[in-house]
Protein backbone atom coordinates (compact mmCIF):
# COMPACT_ATOMS: atom_id res chain seq x y z
CA MET A 1 0.00 0.00 0.00
CA ALA A 2 1.38 3.44 -0.89
CA GLY A 3 0.14 6.99 -1.08
CA VAL A 4 0.86 10.67 -1.19
CA GLU A 5 -0.29 13.42 1.16
CA PRO A 6 0.18 16.70 -0.75
CA ASP A 7 -0.21 18.96 2.31
CA TRP A 8 1.04 17.01 5.32
CA LEU A 9 -0.32 18.51 8.54
CA GLY A 10 -1.16 21.72 6.69
CA SER A 11 2.57 22.41 6.17
CA GLY A 12 2.48 22.64 2.37
CA THR A 13 4.99 19.78 2.26
CA GLU A 14 4.29 16.66 0.22
CA VAL A 15 4.84 13.34 2.00
CA ARG A 16 5.03 9.99 0.18
CA TRP A 17 4.55 6.81 2.18
CA SER A 18 4.35 3.06 1.79
CA ILE A 19 3.30 0.27 4.14
CA ALA A 20 4.27 -3.36 3.74
CA GLY A 21 0.91 -4.60 5.04
CA ARG A 22 0.01 -6.75 8.04
CA GLU A 23 1.29 -10.12 6.83
CA ALA A 24 4.61 -8.78 5.52
CA THR A 25 5.17 -6.71 8.67
CA GLU A 26 4.52 -9.74 10.90
CA ARG A 27 6.96 -11.79 8.81
CA HIS A 28 9.62 -9.04 8.90
CA LEU A 29 9.33 -8.70 12.69
CA ARG A 30 9.68 -12.47 13.21
CA GLU A 31 12.62 -12.67 10.78
CA ALA A 32 14.33 -9.87 12.73
CA GLY A 33 14.00 -11.87 15.97
CA PHE A 34 10.91 -10.25 17.48
CA THR A 35 8.14 -12.14 19.25
CA LEU A 36 4.68 -10.73 18.57
CA ARG A 37 2.85 -10.17 21.84
CA GLU A 38 -0.27 -8.53 20.46
CA VAL A 39 -1.72 -7.28 17.18
CA TRP A 40 -4.75 -5.03 17.01
CA GLY A 41 -6.47 -2.77 14.52
CA MET A 42 -7.14 0.93 14.75
CA PRO A 43 -9.84 2.55 12.60
CA ASP A 44 -8.54 3.88 9.30
CA ASP A 45 -10.57 6.80 8.01
CA THR A 46 -9.36 6.37 4.41
CA THR A 47 -11.85 3.59 3.68
CA GLU A 48 -15.20 2.69 5.19
CA ASP A 49 -14.48 -0.71 6.81
CA SER A 50 -10.73 -0.58 7.20
CA THR A 51 -8.29 -0.74 10.08
CA LYS A 52 -4.54 -0.15 10.38
CA PRO A 53 -2.61 -2.87 12.21
CA PHE A 54 -0.59 -2.02 15.31
CA PHE A 55 1.96 -4.46 16.72
CA LEU A 56 3.34 -5.03 20.20
CA ALA A 57 6.56 -6.99 19.76
CA GLU A 58 9.47 -7.90 21.98
CA LEU A 59 13.01 -8.58 20.84
CA GLY A 60 14.35 -11.90 21.98
């Protein structure tokens, strides 16, 4: 997933972003040695029924 915010926080500055997605992020965390303790979703106002994943992970 990727996007552009042309006026980030009303600053007039363009910000480009990309997100690997839930599955890829979980895989990357595990491959880096993290243990996932919790995963939850926060409402995402960009689409009607969407959430953004948040991760609680511990190294080791």
